[in-house]
N, C-alpha and C. Protein backbone atom coordinates (compact mmCIF):
# COMPACT_ATOMS: atom_id res chain seq x y z
N MET A 1 -70.50 1.98 25.77
CA MET A 1 -69.24 1.69 26.39
C MET A 1 -68.48 0.60 25.64
N ALA A 2 -69.19 -0.37 25.10
CA ALA A 2 -68.54 -1.44 24.36
C ALA A 2 -67.90 -0.91 23.08
N ASN A 3 -68.51 0.09 22.49
CA ASN A 3 -67.96 0.71 21.29
C ASN A 3 -66.60 1.35 21.56
N LEU A 4 -66.49 2.01 22.66
CA LEU A 4 -65.24 2.67 23.01
C LEU A 4 -64.11 1.66 23.21
N TYR A 5 -64.42 0.54 23.79
CA TYR A 5 -63.43 -0.51 24.03
C TYR A 5 -62.89 -1.06 22.71
N ARG A 6 -63.77 -1.24 21.73
CA ARG A 6 -63.34 -1.76 20.43
C ARG A 6 -62.43 -0.77 19.70
N ILE A 7 -62.71 0.48 19.75
CA ILE A 7 -61.87 1.49 19.09
C ILE A 7 -60.47 1.49 19.71
N THR A 8 -60.40 1.39 21.00
CA THR A 8 -59.12 1.37 21.68
C THR A 8 -58.33 0.13 21.31
N ARG A 9 -58.98 -1.01 21.21
CA ARG A 9 -58.29 -2.24 20.82
C ARG A 9 -57.74 -2.14 19.40
N LYS A 10 -58.52 -1.57 18.47
CA LYS A 10 -58.05 -1.42 17.09
C LYS A 10 -56.87 -0.46 17.02
N SER A 11 -56.93 0.63 17.71
CA SER A 11 -55.83 1.60 17.66
C SER A 11 -54.57 1.05 18.33
N SER A 12 -54.72 0.22 19.36
CA SER A 12 -53.54 -0.34 19.99
C SER A 12 -52.84 -1.34 19.06
N GLY A 13 -53.54 -2.02 18.20
CA GLY A 13 -52.93 -2.92 17.22
C GLY A 13 -52.13 -2.15 16.18
N VAL A 14 -52.63 -1.00 15.77
CA VAL A 14 -51.94 -0.17 14.78
C VAL A 14 -50.66 0.40 15.39
N VAL A 15 -50.73 0.79 16.66
CA VAL A 15 -49.55 1.32 17.34
C VAL A 15 -48.48 0.24 17.46
N LEU A 16 -48.88 -0.99 17.75
CA LEU A 16 -47.93 -2.09 17.86
C LEU A 16 -47.24 -2.36 16.53
N ILE A 17 -48.00 -2.41 15.46
CA ILE A 17 -47.41 -2.65 14.13
C ILE A 17 -46.49 -1.50 13.73
N THR A 18 -46.90 -0.27 14.00
CA THR A 18 -46.07 0.89 13.69
C THR A 18 -44.76 0.85 14.48
N ALA A 19 -44.85 0.49 15.75
CA ALA A 19 -43.64 0.41 16.59
C ALA A 19 -42.71 -0.69 16.09
N LEU A 20 -43.25 -1.83 15.69
CA LEU A 20 -42.42 -2.90 15.15
C LEU A 20 -41.74 -2.50 13.85
N LEU A 21 -42.46 -1.82 12.96
CA LEU A 21 -41.85 -1.33 11.72
C LEU A 21 -40.75 -0.31 12.01
N PHE A 22 -40.99 0.57 12.97
CA PHE A 22 -39.98 1.56 13.35
C PHE A 22 -38.73 0.87 13.88
N LEU A 23 -38.90 -0.14 14.73
CA LEU A 23 -37.75 -0.88 15.26
C LEU A 23 -37.01 -1.64 14.16
N LEU A 24 -37.73 -2.18 13.20
CA LEU A 24 -37.10 -2.86 12.07
C LEU A 24 -36.24 -1.90 11.26
N VAL A 25 -36.77 -0.71 10.99
CA VAL A 25 -36.00 0.29 10.24
C VAL A 25 -34.76 0.70 11.04
N LEU A 26 -34.91 0.91 12.35
CA LEU A 26 -33.75 1.27 13.17
C LEU A 26 -32.70 0.17 13.18
N THR A 27 -33.13 -1.09 13.23
CA THR A 27 -32.19 -2.22 13.22
C THR A 27 -31.42 -2.27 11.90
N LEU A 28 -32.13 -2.11 10.79
CA LEU A 28 -31.47 -2.12 9.48
C LEU A 28 -30.48 -0.96 9.36
N LEU A 29 -30.86 0.19 9.87
CA LEU A 29 -29.97 1.35 9.83
C LEU A 29 -28.72 1.11 10.68
N ALA A 30 -28.88 0.52 11.85
CA ALA A 30 -27.73 0.23 12.72
C ALA A 30 -26.81 -0.80 12.08
N MET A 31 -27.38 -1.81 11.42
CA MET A 31 -26.56 -2.82 10.75
C MET A 31 -25.78 -2.19 9.60
N SER A 32 -26.39 -1.27 8.89
CA SER A 32 -25.71 -0.58 7.79
C SER A 32 -24.52 0.22 8.32
N PHE A 33 -24.71 0.93 9.42
CA PHE A 33 -23.60 1.70 10.01
C PHE A 33 -22.50 0.78 10.49
N LEU A 34 -22.85 -0.37 11.04
CA LEU A 34 -21.86 -1.32 11.52
C LEU A 34 -21.03 -1.87 10.37
N ARG A 35 -21.71 -2.21 9.26
CA ARG A 35 -20.97 -2.72 8.09
C ARG A 35 -20.03 -1.66 7.54
N THR A 36 -20.48 -0.41 7.49
CA THR A 36 -19.64 0.68 6.99
C THR A 36 -18.42 0.85 7.88
N GLY A 37 -18.61 0.77 9.19
CA GLY A 37 -17.49 0.90 10.12
C GLY A 37 -16.49 -0.23 9.96
N LEU A 38 -16.97 -1.44 9.78
CA LEU A 38 -16.07 -2.58 9.57
C LEU A 38 -15.30 -2.44 8.27
N LEU A 39 -15.97 -1.98 7.23
CA LEU A 39 -15.30 -1.78 5.93
C LEU A 39 -14.21 -0.72 6.06
N GLU A 40 -14.50 0.36 6.76
CA GLU A 40 -13.48 1.40 6.95
C GLU A 40 -12.29 0.88 7.74
N ALA A 41 -12.54 0.04 8.74
CA ALA A 41 -11.45 -0.53 9.53
C ALA A 41 -10.58 -1.44 8.66
N LYS A 42 -11.20 -2.25 7.80
CA LYS A 42 -10.44 -3.11 6.89
C LYS A 42 -9.61 -2.28 5.92
N MET A 43 -10.22 -1.21 5.39
CA MET A 43 -9.51 -0.36 4.43
C MET A 43 -8.29 0.29 5.09
N SER A 44 -8.45 0.79 6.31
CA SER A 44 -7.31 1.45 6.97
C SER A 44 -6.23 0.42 7.33
N SER A 45 -6.63 -0.79 7.69
CA SER A 45 -5.65 -1.83 7.99
C SER A 45 -4.86 -2.22 6.74
N ASN A 46 -5.55 -2.35 5.60
CA ASN A 46 -4.85 -2.67 4.34
C ASN A 46 -3.91 -1.54 3.94
N TYR A 47 -4.35 -0.30 4.11
CA TYR A 47 -3.50 0.84 3.76
C TYR A 47 -2.26 0.86 4.65
N GLN A 48 -2.44 0.59 5.94
CA GLN A 48 -1.31 0.57 6.86
C GLN A 48 -0.33 -0.54 6.48
N ALA A 49 -0.84 -1.71 6.08
CA ALA A 49 0.04 -2.81 5.67
C ALA A 49 0.83 -2.42 4.42
N LYS A 50 0.19 -1.74 3.47
CA LYS A 50 0.90 -1.31 2.26
C LYS A 50 2.00 -0.29 2.58
N VAL A 51 1.72 0.61 3.51
CA VAL A 51 2.72 1.61 3.90
C VAL A 51 3.92 0.93 4.57
N PHE A 52 3.65 -0.03 5.46
CA PHE A 52 4.75 -0.74 6.12
C PHE A 52 5.55 -1.57 5.12
N ALA A 53 4.88 -2.18 4.15
CA ALA A 53 5.59 -2.95 3.12
C ALA A 53 6.47 -2.03 2.28
N LEU A 54 5.97 -0.83 1.95
CA LEU A 54 6.77 0.14 1.20
C LEU A 54 7.99 0.58 2.00
N GLN A 55 7.81 0.81 3.30
CA GLN A 55 8.94 1.21 4.14
C GLN A 55 9.99 0.09 4.22
N ASN A 56 9.54 -1.14 4.31
CA ASN A 56 10.48 -2.27 4.34
C ASN A 56 11.23 -2.38 3.01
N ALA A 57 10.53 -2.16 1.89
CA ALA A 57 11.19 -2.21 0.59
C ALA A 57 12.22 -1.08 0.45
N GLU A 58 11.88 0.11 0.93
CA GLU A 58 12.85 1.22 0.89
C GLU A 58 14.08 0.91 1.73
N LEU A 59 13.88 0.29 2.88
CA LEU A 59 15.01 -0.08 3.73
C LEU A 59 15.90 -1.10 3.03
N ASN A 60 15.29 -2.11 2.41
CA ASN A 60 16.06 -3.12 1.68
C ASN A 60 16.80 -2.51 0.49
N LEU A 61 16.15 -1.55 -0.19
CA LEU A 61 16.78 -0.87 -1.31
C LEU A 61 18.01 -0.08 -0.86
N ALA A 62 17.88 0.62 0.25
CA ALA A 62 19.01 1.41 0.77
C ALA A 62 20.16 0.50 1.20
N LYS A 63 19.82 -0.65 1.81
CA LYS A 63 20.88 -1.60 2.20
C LYS A 63 21.63 -2.12 0.98
N SER A 64 20.89 -2.47 -0.08
CA SER A 64 21.54 -2.98 -1.30
C SER A 64 22.39 -1.91 -1.96
N ALA A 65 21.90 -0.68 -2.00
CA ALA A 65 22.66 0.40 -2.63
C ALA A 65 23.93 0.70 -1.86
N SER A 66 23.87 0.59 -0.53
CA SER A 66 25.08 0.88 0.26
C SER A 66 26.14 -0.21 0.11
N LYS A 67 25.74 -1.42 -0.29
CA LYS A 67 26.70 -2.52 -0.45
C LYS A 67 27.41 -2.51 -1.80
N ILE A 68 26.92 -1.70 -2.74
CA ILE A 68 27.56 -1.64 -4.06
C ILE A 68 28.94 -1.01 -3.92
N GLY A 69 29.94 -1.66 -4.48
CA GLY A 69 31.31 -1.16 -4.43
C GLY A 69 32.10 -1.62 -3.22
N GLN A 70 31.44 -2.24 -2.23
CA GLN A 70 32.17 -2.70 -1.05
C GLN A 70 32.90 -4.01 -1.30
N SER A 71 32.39 -4.81 -2.25
CA SER A 71 33.08 -6.06 -2.58
C SER A 71 32.90 -6.32 -4.07
N SER A 72 33.60 -7.32 -4.58
CA SER A 72 33.48 -7.62 -6.00
C SER A 72 32.20 -8.39 -6.32
N VAL A 73 31.57 -8.96 -5.30
CA VAL A 73 30.33 -9.71 -5.50
C VAL A 73 29.15 -8.77 -5.29
N LEU A 74 28.26 -8.74 -6.26
CA LEU A 74 27.08 -7.88 -6.13
C LEU A 74 26.07 -8.50 -5.18
N PRO A 75 25.40 -7.68 -4.38
CA PRO A 75 24.38 -8.22 -3.48
C PRO A 75 23.18 -8.77 -4.25
N LYS A 76 22.36 -9.55 -3.57
CA LYS A 76 21.17 -10.13 -4.19
C LYS A 76 20.23 -9.02 -4.65
N GLY A 77 19.72 -9.16 -5.86
CA GLY A 77 18.80 -8.17 -6.41
C GLY A 77 19.46 -7.03 -7.15
N VAL A 78 20.79 -7.09 -7.31
CA VAL A 78 21.53 -6.02 -8.00
C VAL A 78 22.13 -6.60 -9.27
N ALA A 79 21.95 -5.87 -10.38
CA ALA A 79 22.52 -6.30 -11.66
C ALA A 79 23.11 -5.09 -12.38
N VAL A 80 24.23 -5.31 -13.07
CA VAL A 80 24.82 -4.25 -13.90
C VAL A 80 24.05 -4.23 -15.21
N ILE A 81 23.53 -3.05 -15.57
CA ILE A 81 22.76 -2.97 -16.82
C ILE A 81 23.52 -2.23 -17.92
N ALA A 82 24.47 -1.39 -17.56
CA ALA A 82 25.27 -0.70 -18.58
C ALA A 82 26.51 -0.12 -17.92
N ALA A 83 27.58 0.01 -18.71
CA ALA A 83 28.81 0.61 -18.19
C ALA A 83 29.48 1.44 -19.28
N PRO A 84 28.87 2.55 -19.70
CA PRO A 84 29.48 3.37 -20.74
C PRO A 84 30.49 4.37 -20.17
N CYS A 85 31.68 4.36 -20.68
CA CYS A 85 32.69 5.39 -20.44
C CYS A 85 32.84 5.82 -18.98
N GLY A 86 33.18 4.89 -18.12
CA GLY A 86 33.48 5.25 -16.74
C GLY A 86 32.28 5.34 -15.82
N VAL A 87 31.10 5.19 -16.33
CA VAL A 87 29.89 5.24 -15.50
C VAL A 87 29.27 3.85 -15.51
N THR A 88 28.98 3.32 -14.33
CA THR A 88 28.35 2.01 -14.24
C THR A 88 26.95 2.17 -13.69
N PHE A 89 25.98 1.62 -14.41
CA PHE A 89 24.59 1.67 -13.97
C PHE A 89 24.18 0.31 -13.41
N TYR A 90 23.53 0.34 -12.28
CA TYR A 90 23.05 -0.88 -11.63
C TYR A 90 21.53 -0.80 -11.52
N ARG A 91 20.86 -1.92 -11.72
CA ARG A 91 19.42 -2.01 -11.44
C ARG A 91 19.28 -2.78 -10.13
N ILE A 92 18.70 -2.12 -9.14
CA ILE A 92 18.52 -2.73 -7.82
C ILE A 92 17.03 -3.00 -7.64
N THR A 93 16.71 -4.23 -7.28
CA THR A 93 15.32 -4.61 -7.00
C THR A 93 15.24 -5.05 -5.55
N ALA A 94 14.29 -4.46 -4.81
CA ALA A 94 14.10 -4.82 -3.40
C ALA A 94 12.62 -5.06 -3.15
N ILE A 95 12.34 -6.04 -2.31
CA ILE A 95 10.96 -6.40 -1.98
C ILE A 95 10.75 -6.19 -0.49
N GLY A 96 9.63 -5.58 -0.17
CA GLY A 96 9.24 -5.39 1.23
C GLY A 96 7.91 -6.06 1.48
N SER A 97 7.78 -6.70 2.62
CA SER A 97 6.54 -7.40 2.95
C SER A 97 6.09 -7.03 4.35
N TYR A 98 4.78 -6.99 4.52
CA TYR A 98 4.18 -6.81 5.84
C TYR A 98 2.82 -7.47 5.80
N LYS A 99 2.61 -8.43 6.68
CA LYS A 99 1.39 -9.24 6.70
C LYS A 99 1.19 -9.85 5.32
N LYS A 100 0.09 -9.52 4.63
CA LYS A 100 -0.16 -10.10 3.31
C LYS A 100 0.14 -9.12 2.18
N SER A 101 0.73 -8.00 2.48
CA SER A 101 1.03 -6.99 1.47
C SER A 101 2.50 -7.07 1.07
N HIS A 102 2.76 -7.05 -0.22
CA HIS A 102 4.12 -7.12 -0.76
C HIS A 102 4.31 -5.97 -1.75
N THR A 103 5.39 -5.24 -1.59
CA THR A 103 5.71 -4.14 -2.49
C THR A 103 7.14 -4.29 -2.98
N ALA A 104 7.35 -4.01 -4.25
CA ALA A 104 8.69 -4.09 -4.83
C ALA A 104 9.09 -2.71 -5.34
N LEU A 105 10.35 -2.41 -5.15
CA LEU A 105 10.92 -1.16 -5.65
C LEU A 105 12.07 -1.51 -6.58
N GLN A 106 12.20 -0.73 -7.64
CA GLN A 106 13.36 -0.85 -8.52
C GLN A 106 14.02 0.51 -8.60
N GLU A 107 15.33 0.48 -8.64
CA GLU A 107 16.09 1.72 -8.68
C GLU A 107 17.22 1.58 -9.69
N ILE A 108 17.49 2.64 -10.41
CA ILE A 108 18.68 2.71 -11.27
C ILE A 108 19.70 3.53 -10.48
N PHE A 109 20.82 2.93 -10.20
CA PHE A 109 21.87 3.53 -9.37
C PHE A 109 23.13 3.65 -10.22
N ALA A 110 23.80 4.77 -10.13
CA ALA A 110 25.00 4.99 -10.94
C ALA A 110 26.22 5.23 -10.05
N THR A 111 27.35 4.69 -10.49
CA THR A 111 28.64 5.04 -9.88
C THR A 111 29.51 5.60 -10.99
N VAL A 112 30.13 6.72 -10.70
CA VAL A 112 30.95 7.41 -11.70
C VAL A 112 32.41 7.17 -11.38
N GLY A 113 33.13 6.64 -12.36
CA GLY A 113 34.57 6.39 -12.22
C GLY A 113 35.36 7.45 -12.98
N ASP A 114 36.38 7.03 -13.70
CA ASP A 114 37.23 7.92 -14.48
C ASP A 114 36.54 8.27 -15.79
N THR A 115 36.14 9.53 -15.93
CA THR A 115 35.48 9.99 -17.16
C THR A 115 36.35 11.00 -17.92
N SER A 116 37.66 11.03 -17.64
CA SER A 116 38.53 12.04 -18.28
C SER A 116 38.67 11.82 -19.78
N ARG A 117 38.52 10.57 -20.26
CA ARG A 117 38.69 10.29 -21.69
C ARG A 117 37.36 10.32 -22.46
N CYS A 118 36.29 10.59 -21.77
CA CYS A 118 34.97 10.56 -22.42
C CYS A 118 34.69 11.85 -23.17
N LYS A 119 34.14 11.70 -24.36
CA LYS A 119 33.72 12.86 -25.16
C LYS A 119 32.34 12.54 -25.71
N PRO A 120 31.35 13.26 -25.41
CA PRO A 120 31.23 14.31 -24.40
C PRO A 120 31.24 13.72 -22.99
N LYS A 121 31.59 14.56 -22.02
CA LYS A 121 31.66 14.08 -20.64
C LYS A 121 30.24 13.91 -20.10
N PRO A 122 30.01 12.79 -19.41
CA PRO A 122 28.67 12.59 -18.83
C PRO A 122 28.43 13.50 -17.63
N HIS A 123 27.23 14.01 -17.55
CA HIS A 123 26.85 14.87 -16.42
C HIS A 123 25.98 14.05 -15.46
N ILE A 124 26.59 13.06 -14.87
CA ILE A 124 25.88 12.14 -13.98
C ILE A 124 26.61 12.12 -12.64
N HIS A 125 25.84 12.11 -11.58
CA HIS A 125 26.41 12.04 -10.23
C HIS A 125 26.19 10.64 -9.66
N ASN A 126 27.00 10.26 -8.69
CA ASN A 126 26.80 8.99 -8.01
C ASN A 126 25.43 8.98 -7.31
N GLY A 127 24.81 7.83 -7.32
CA GLY A 127 23.56 7.69 -6.57
C GLY A 127 22.37 7.34 -7.44
N ARG A 128 21.20 7.56 -6.88
CA ARG A 128 19.94 7.18 -7.54
C ARG A 128 19.67 8.05 -8.76
N GLN A 129 19.32 7.38 -9.85
CA GLN A 129 18.97 8.08 -11.09
C GLN A 129 17.46 8.04 -11.34
N ALA A 130 16.84 6.92 -11.04
CA ALA A 130 15.39 6.76 -11.26
C ALA A 130 14.92 5.60 -10.40
N TRP A 131 13.61 5.56 -10.12
CA TRP A 131 13.06 4.43 -9.39
C TRP A 131 11.58 4.30 -9.68
N ARG A 132 11.04 3.11 -9.39
CA ARG A 132 9.61 2.86 -9.59
C ARG A 132 9.11 1.89 -8.52
N ILE A 133 7.81 1.96 -8.28
CA ILE A 133 7.15 1.10 -7.30
C ILE A 133 6.18 0.21 -8.04
N TYR A 134 6.13 -1.05 -7.67
CA TYR A 134 5.08 -1.91 -8.19
C TYR A 134 4.66 -2.89 -7.11
N THR A 135 3.40 -3.28 -7.16
CA THR A 135 2.83 -4.18 -6.16
C THR A 135 2.84 -5.59 -6.70
N LEU A 136 3.27 -6.51 -5.87
CA LEU A 136 3.31 -7.91 -6.25
C LEU A 136 1.96 -8.56 -5.97
N ARG A 137 1.50 -9.36 -6.87
CA ARG A 137 0.23 -10.09 -6.70
C ARG A 137 0.54 -11.49 -6.24
N ASP A 138 -0.30 -12.02 -5.36
CA ASP A 138 -0.12 -13.39 -4.89
C ASP A 138 -0.54 -14.40 -5.92
């Protein structure tokens, strides 16, 4: 009878160690999933901030473009870069910010005036000609 008691005591120690190792593995696995979830939340928050900054920059760009030609003073961020034969090109720079994300847009905008004396005649319409996006670093 004493022999049976000893076997049971030895096997119960092995079961305890096995259960502790199993719980340790489960804990590490749960922590890994938690870290992955937090990383995904940070990534989506940063992406959302960049999208909002881009939308703010587009809004500022549209406001600056609409002010061209309304007065003799150019709005902030607008510069004349060329004026060949009745066509005036403007470079418009607008910055949009949201939280810690900053995005800048540049646009080449053209206004067409009197081109009757131009040879060859330019085939350019009023409005946006080209644009680019760049991210500002802190």
